Amino acid sequence: MADLYSTPPAHDQEWDAGDLACGELVLELRRRVRAAPGQVFKVIALDPGAPSDLPAWCGMTGHQLIAQDLDAKAYWIRAKS
């Protein structure tokens, strides 16, 4: 997982979650990743808890957080197959 990179990782889908709070954020993300196993999602999440919530959610669910850019509030998540 990289915090800094010269080129952002490639992704299949992009979702701007805006300022959705953690509960709504992970419920909607769960729906999206279930519909597209194996794909990489770029998620923009403005919620202040996202930097800790999204890695924890990935760890609990088996999805892979492959990169994050905390300045841009962007997270790249590979949905488990």
Protein backbone atom coordinates (compact mmCIF):
# COMPACT_ATOMS: atom_id res chain seq x y z
CA MET A 1 0.00 0.00 0.00
CA ALA A 2 1.46 3.34 -0.98
CA ASP A 3 0.79 6.75 0.50
CA LEU A 4 2.88 8.56 -2.09
CA TYR A 5 3.32 7.61 -5.72
CA SER A 6 4.21 9.28 -8.97
CA THR A 7 1.22 7.89 -10.86
CA PRO A 8 -2.08 6.96 -9.19
CA PRO A 9 -3.00 3.28 -9.47
CA ALA A 10 -5.24 2.24 -12.34
CA HIS A 11 -8.86 1.74 -11.38
CA ASP A 12 -11.98 0.28 -12.95
CA GLN A 13 -14.54 2.44 -11.20
CA GLU A 14 -14.53 5.76 -9.39
CA TRP A 15 -16.95 6.82 -6.69
CA ASP A 16 -17.06 10.20 -4.98
CA ALA A 17 -18.66 9.45 -1.62
CA GLY A 18 -18.50 13.10 -0.65
CA ASP A 19 -19.02 13.63 3.06
CA LEU A 20 -21.01 10.44 3.73
CA ALA A 21 -20.47 9.36 7.33
CA CYS A 22 -18.73 6.07 8.05
CA GLY A 23 -21.85 3.90 8.36
CA GLU A 24 -23.41 5.09 5.11
CA LEU A 25 -20.02 5.09 3.40
CA VAL A 26 -19.19 1.46 4.13
CA LEU A 27 -22.72 0.23 3.43
CA GLU A 28 -22.72 1.81 -0.02
CA LEU A 29 -19.14 0.69 -0.68
CA ARG A 30 -20.12 -2.85 0.31
CA ARG A 31 -22.93 -2.81 -2.24
CA ARG A 32 -20.62 -1.53 -4.96
CA VAL A 33 -17.76 -3.99 -4.40
CA ARG A 34 -20.12 -6.96 -4.20
CA ALA A 35 -21.42 -6.06 -7.65
CA ALA A 36 -17.91 -5.97 -9.16
CA PRO A 37 -15.59 -8.62 -7.67
CA GLY A 38 -11.92 -8.21 -8.54
CA GLN A 39 -12.28 -4.64 -9.74
CA VAL A 40 -10.33 -1.70 -8.34
CA PHE A 41 -12.35 1.19 -7.00
CA LYS A 42 -11.07 4.71 -6.51
CA VAL A 43 -13.08 6.14 -3.64
CA ILE A 44 -13.05 9.80 -2.66
CA ALA A 45 -14.18 10.11 0.96
CA LEU A 46 -14.24 13.41 2.84
CA ASP A 47 -15.43 12.00 6.18
CA PRO A 48 -12.76 12.73 8.83
CA GLY A 49 -12.92 9.10 9.99
CA ALA A 50 -12.24 7.63 6.54
CA PRO A 51 -8.42 7.42 6.95
CA SER A 52 -8.90 4.92 9.77
CA ASP A 53 -12.31 3.49 8.87
CA LEU A 54 -11.60 2.41 5.28
CA PRO A 55 -8.38 0.46 6.04
CA ALA A 56 -10.11 -1.20 9.01
CA TRP A 57 -13.14 -2.09 6.87
CA CYS A 58 -10.88 -3.59 4.20
CA GLY A 59 -9.10 -5.66 6.83
CA MET A 60 -12.37 -6.97 8.26
CA THR A 61 -13.97 -7.79 4.91
CA GLY A 62 -11.04 -9.16 2.89
CA HIS A 63 -10.95 -6.36 0.32
CA GLN A 64 -7.49 -4.93 -0.38
CA LEU A 65 -6.57 -1.30 0.18
CA ILE A 66 -3.89 -0.97 -2.48
CA ALA A 67 -3.15 2.76 -2.14
CA GLN A 68 -4.29 5.92 -0.50
CA ASP A 69 -3.62 9.59 -0.96
CA LEU A 70 -4.59 11.27 2.28
CA ASP A 71 -4.12 14.77 0.87
CA ALA A 72 -6.59 14.06 -1.94
CA LYS A 73 -8.78 11.92 0.35
CA ALA A 74 -8.56 9.13 -2.25
CA TYR A 75 -8.46 5.38 -1.59
CA TRP A 76 -7.91 2.57 -4.09
CA ILE A 77 -9.61 -0.65 -3.05
CA ARG A 78 -9.50 -3.98 -4.88
CA ALA A 79 -12.75 -5.89 -4.33
CA LYS A 80 -12.18 -9.48 -3.32
CA SER A 81 -13.05 -12.04 -5.95
